[in-house]
């Protein structure tokens, strides 16, 4: 018999409580970006741990709308939160890296730095979340869904650097259904999915296909050939993100 969304939510909440108990920690923290995935996770961990859950807003050269939507999520689910501004930290670190690389003749222009810049933002956020989590003896909840995991649409050791992934089995369309059910603000549900890595960036524009297409692949359905090829390439190229780093055989 198919379970209702509420039943699945409650089972997920039970699972979250088990993970904290098994890890001998006190609660759960999540980065709240203003997007639907982190919003759903914030609602879930707040339900699991009303007094031991924390959301962290982490602006890093971000669109002000991201912070506005993140605060709407915080207010809607009632989770305790804090904010750490990372723009200056990002500028300092990336500036030092680029200056040293140029001094050593490793780069002579900035054309290839956009990805490095974007991934550094995600990794600074991860480091900040863990600094807070370790201080509180909390575990870190990730926000990737099944479609993002399949395509590798996350930063290795950035938003992919977490302890648990509560919505890893949900298709993107299921994320929307759960979010609607739990009362995530409509402004968050209705915004185009974006990792907020650079101005105007959206997930689907960067991937070259849609989440509906990825959901169908994950669900084992047939999709148009052009989309299937794109998704297969994304899956193959990101295989390294879904496994532990390679090690040599025992000699």
Protein backbone atom coordinates (compact mmCIF):
# COMPACT_ATOMS: atom_id res chain seq x y z
CA UNK A 1 0.00 0.00 0.00
CA UNK A 2 1.33 3.44 -0.92
CA UNK A 3 2.15 5.67 2.01
CA UNK A 4 0.91 9.25 2.25
CA UNK A 5 3.34 12.16 2.26
CA UNK A 6 2.67 12.69 5.96
CA UNK A 7 3.53 9.08 6.71
CA UNK A 8 6.76 9.38 4.72
CA UNK A 9 7.62 12.63 6.49
CA UNK A 10 7.12 10.99 9.87
CA UNK A 11 9.31 8.05 8.89
CA UNK A 12 12.00 10.47 7.76
CA UNK A 13 11.74 12.33 11.06
CA UNK A 14 12.15 9.03 12.92
CA UNK A 15 15.19 8.27 10.79
CA UNK A 16 16.71 11.66 11.60
CA UNK A 17 16.30 10.99 15.31
CA UNK A 18 17.95 7.60 14.92
CA UNK A 19 20.92 9.15 13.08
CA UNK A 20 21.51 11.64 15.87
CA UNK A 21 21.18 8.95 18.52
CA UNK A 22 23.53 6.60 16.65
CA UNK A 23 26.13 9.36 16.22
CA UNK A 24 25.97 10.36 19.90
CA UNK A 25 25.34 13.96 18.93
CA UNK A 26 22.85 16.56 20.12
CA UNK A 27 21.03 17.77 17.04
CA UNK A 28 21.21 18.79 13.36
CA UNK A 29 22.31 21.85 11.42
CA UNK A 30 21.58 22.77 7.79
CA UNK A 31 22.60 25.61 5.51
CA UNK A 32 19.49 27.52 4.40
CA UNK A 33 19.96 29.01 0.95
CA UNK A 34 16.48 30.25 0.10
CA UNK A 35 15.95 27.33 -2.29
CA UNK A 36 13.34 24.59 -2.01
CA UNK A 37 15.66 21.71 -1.11
CA UNK A 38 17.25 23.38 1.91
CA UNK A 39 13.82 24.69 2.90
CA UNK A 40 12.41 21.17 2.99
CA UNK A 41 15.34 19.88 5.04
CA UNK A 42 14.97 22.78 7.48
CA UNK A 43 11.30 21.86 8.01
CA UNK A 44 12.22 18.19 8.52
CA UNK A 45 15.00 18.75 11.05
CA UNK A 46 12.89 21.26 12.96
CA UNK A 47 10.13 18.67 13.28
CA UNK A 48 12.65 16.03 14.37
CA UNK A 49 14.43 18.29 16.87
CA UNK A 50 12.31 21.30 17.83
CA UNK A 51 14.92 22.55 20.31
CA UNK A 52 18.11 21.13 18.79
CA UNK A 53 18.03 22.16 15.15
CA UNK A 54 19.72 25.12 13.52
CA UNK A 55 19.60 26.81 10.15
CA UNK A 56 22.54 28.86 8.92
CA UNK A 57 22.25 31.56 6.25
CA UNK A 58 25.57 31.97 4.44
CA UNK A 59 25.63 34.89 1.99
CA UNK A 60 28.65 34.88 -0.30
CA UNK A 61 28.26 37.55 -3.00
CA UNK A 62 24.69 36.32 -3.08
CA UNK A 63 21.58 37.83 -4.59
CA UNK A 64 19.72 39.66 -1.76
CA UNK A 65 16.60 37.70 -2.80
CA UNK A 66 18.31 34.51 -1.56
CA UNK A 67 18.54 35.92 1.96
CA UNK A 68 14.95 37.19 1.83
CA UNK A 69 13.66 33.74 0.89
CA UNK A 70 15.91 32.04 3.45
CA UNK A 71 14.43 34.26 6.17
CA UNK A 72 10.92 33.38 4.98
CA UNK A 73 11.81 29.70 5.39
CA UNK A 74 13.22 30.35 8.87
CA UNK A 75 10.07 32.18 9.92
CA UNK A 76 7.72 29.63 8.39
CA UNK A 77 9.24 26.59 10.10
CA UNK A 78 10.31 28.39 13.29
CA UNK A 79 13.83 26.98 13.33
CA UNK A 80 16.57 28.76 15.27
CA UNK A 81 19.04 30.40 12.91
CA UNK A 82 22.23 32.37 12.59
CA UNK A 83 23.91 34.17 9.71
CA UNK A 84 27.56 34.30 8.66
CA UNK A 85 28.57 36.63 5.82
CA UNK A 86 31.34 35.04 3.72
CA UNK A 87 31.91 37.52 0.89
CA UNK A 88 35.01 39.13 2.37
CA UNK A 89 36.46 35.75 3.33
CA UNK A 90 35.90 34.51 -0.21
CA UNK A 91 37.55 37.59 -1.73
CA UNK A 92 40.56 37.28 0.53
CA UNK A 93 41.15 33.58 -0.04
CA UNK A 94 40.52 33.54 -3.80
CA UNK A 95 42.55 36.72 -4.23
CA UNK A 96 45.51 35.17 -2.43
CA UNK A 97 45.26 31.97 -4.49
CA UNK A 98 45.06 33.80 -7.82
CA UNK A 99 47.91 36.17 -6.91
CA UNK A 100 50.20 33.28 -5.98
CA UNK A 101 49.30 31.30 -9.12
CA UNK A 102 50.04 34.31 -11.32
CA UNK A 103 53.31 34.97 -9.50
CA UNK A 104 54.34 31.39 -10.20
CA UNK A 105 53.32 31.54 -13.84
CA UNK A 106 50.51 29.03 -13.44
CA UNK A 107 47.82 31.25 -14.97
CA UNK A 108 47.97 34.34 -17.13
CA UNK A 109 44.28 35.22 -17.24
CA UNK A 110 41.07 34.73 -15.30
CA UNK A 111 38.98 32.97 -17.95
CA UNK A 112 39.01 29.59 -16.19
CA UNK A 113 38.39 30.91 -12.70
CA UNK A 114 34.58 31.00 -12.68
CA UNK A 115 34.20 27.37 -11.63
CA UNK A 116 36.93 27.69 -9.02
CA UNK A 117 35.26 30.83 -7.69
CA UNK A 118 31.84 29.12 -7.53
CA UNK A 119 33.08 25.92 -5.92
CA UNK A 120 35.05 27.88 -3.34
CA UNK A 121 31.81 29.55 -2.25
CA UNK A 122 30.23 26.14 -1.67
CA UNK A 123 33.31 24.86 0.18
CA UNK A 124 33.51 27.94 2.40
CA UNK A 125 29.87 27.39 3.32
CA UNK A 126 30.60 23.75 4.14
CA UNK A 127 33.56 24.68 6.35
CA UNK A 128 31.49 27.29 8.16
CA UNK A 129 28.61 24.89 8.78
CA UNK A 130 31.01 22.31 10.21
CA UNK A 131 32.66 24.92 12.43
CA UNK A 132 29.24 25.55 13.96
CA UNK A 133 28.19 21.88 14.00
CA UNK A 134 31.36 20.74 15.75
CA UNK A 135 30.96 23.44 18.38
CA UNK A 136 27.41 22.28 19.16
CA UNK A 137 28.06 18.54 18.68
CA UNK A 138 25.49 18.51 15.88
CA UNK A 139 25.55 16.57 12.62
CA UNK A 140 25.27 18.30 9.23
CA UNK A 141 22.28 17.61 7.01
CA UNK A 142 22.74 17.83 3.25
CA UNK A 143 20.10 19.08 0.86
CA UNK A 144 20.66 17.07 -2.32
CA UNK A 145 17.75 15.19 -3.88
CA UNK A 146 17.84 12.07 -6.04
CA UNK A 147 18.05 14.03 -9.31
CA UNK A 148 21.01 16.09 -8.10
CA UNK A 149 22.82 13.02 -6.83
CA UNK A 150 22.28 11.17 -10.12
CA UNK A 151 23.67 14.04 -12.21
CA UNK A 152 26.37 15.04 -9.74
CA UNK A 153 24.82 18.48 -9.47
CA UNK A 154 26.60 19.38 -6.25
CA UNK A 155 30.06 20.57 -5.30
CA UNK A 156 32.42 17.85 -4.14
CA UNK A 157 33.38 18.63 -0.53
CA UNK A 158 31.07 21.65 -0.73
CA UNK A 159 27.33 21.12 -0.43
CA UNK A 160 28.20 17.44 -0.97
CA UNK A 161 30.25 17.47 2.25
CA UNK A 162 27.67 16.40 4.83
CA UNK A 163 26.87 13.70 7.38
CA UNK A 164 23.37 12.73 6.30
CA UNK A 165 21.15 13.43 3.26
CA UNK A 166 17.49 13.31 4.34
CA UNK A 167 15.94 13.87 0.90
CA UNK A 168 18.38 11.77 -1.15
CA UNK A 169 15.61 9.37 -2.24
CA UNK A 170 13.20 12.08 -3.38
CA UNK A 171 12.75 13.02 -7.02
CA UNK A 172 12.70 16.77 -7.59
CA UNK A 173 8.96 16.66 -8.19
CA UNK A 174 8.54 14.88 -4.84
CA UNK A 175 10.55 17.63 -3.16
CA UNK A 176 7.91 20.07 -4.41
CA UNK A 177 5.10 17.84 -3.15
CA UNK A 178 6.64 17.49 0.32
CA UNK A 179 7.41 21.21 0.48
CA UNK A 180 3.82 22.06 -0.40
CA UNK A 181 2.57 19.62 2.23
CA UNK A 182 4.77 21.01 4.99
CA UNK A 183 4.04 24.66 4.29
CA UNK A 184 7.22 25.92 2.65
CA UNK A 185 6.52 29.51 1.48
CA UNK A 186 5.14 29.77 -2.04
CA UNK A 187 7.80 32.29 -3.04
CA UNK A 188 10.42 29.60 -2.36
CA UNK A 189 8.45 26.84 -4.09
CA UNK A 190 7.96 29.02 -7.17
CA UNK A 191 11.53 30.23 -7.71
CA UNK A 192 13.69 28.63 -10.43
CA UNK A 193 16.13 26.11 -8.89
CA UNK A 194 19.59 27.64 -8.61
CA UNK A 195 22.78 26.85 -6.74
CA UNK A 196 23.45 30.61 -6.53
CA UNK A 197 26.97 30.14 -7.87
CA UNK A 198 26.95 33.23 -10.11
CA UNK A 199 24.58 35.92 -11.32
CA UNK A 200 21.75 34.53 -13.44
CA UNK A 201 22.77 30.92 -12.86
CA UNK A 202 19.99 28.32 -12.82
CA UNK A 203 20.31 24.56 -12.44
CA UNK A 204 18.42 23.61 -15.59
CA UNK A 205 20.19 26.17 -17.79
CA UNK A 206 23.56 24.90 -16.61
CA UNK A 207 22.64 21.21 -16.95
CA UNK A 208 21.12 21.65 -20.41
CA UNK A 209 18.03 19.64 -19.49
CA UNK A 210 15.18 19.76 -16.98
CA UNK A 211 14.60 18.20 -13.59
CA UNK A 212 11.51 16.51 -15.03
CA UNK A 213 13.76 14.69 -17.49
CA UNK A 214 16.23 13.70 -14.75
CA UNK A 215 13.39 12.54 -12.50
CA UNK A 216 12.09 10.31 -15.29
CA UNK A 217 15.54 8.77 -15.81
CA UNK A 218 15.91 8.06 -12.09
CA UNK A 219 12.40 6.57 -12.10
CA UNK A 220 13.32 4.30 -15.05
CA UNK A 221 11.12 6.01 -17.63
CA UNK A 222 11.86 6.69 -21.28
CA UNK A 223 12.82 10.25 -22.24
CA UNK A 224 13.82 12.00 -25.51
CA UNK A 225 17.20 10.90 -26.85
CA UNK A 226 18.80 14.37 -26.65
CA UNK A 227 17.97 14.62 -22.94
CA UNK A 228 19.03 11.05 -22.25
CA UNK A 229 22.47 11.69 -23.76
CA UNK A 230 22.97 14.84 -21.67
CA UNK A 231 21.93 13.10 -18.44
CA UNK A 232 24.08 10.05 -19.13
CA UNK A 233 27.11 12.30 -19.66
CA UNK A 234 26.40 14.20 -16.44
CA UNK A 235 26.07 10.92 -14.56
CA UNK A 236 29.29 9.48 -15.98
CA UNK A 237 31.35 12.63 -15.45
CA UNK A 238 30.24 12.92 -11.83
CA UNK A 239 30.79 9.30 -10.79
CA UNK A 240 33.80 10.31 -8.70
CA UNK A 241 31.52 12.45 -6.52
CA UNK A 242 29.41 9.46 -5.47
CA UNK A 243 32.24 7.29 -4.17
CA UNK A 244 35.16 7.50 -1.80
CA UNK A 245 38.48 8.67 -3.30
CA UNK A 246 40.37 5.97 -5.15
CA UNK A 247 43.18 4.13 -3.39
CA UNK A 248 45.86 1.83 -4.82
CA UNK A 249 45.62 -1.94 -4.49
CA UNK A 250 47.50 -3.63 -1.66
CA UNK A 251 50.96 -4.29 -3.04
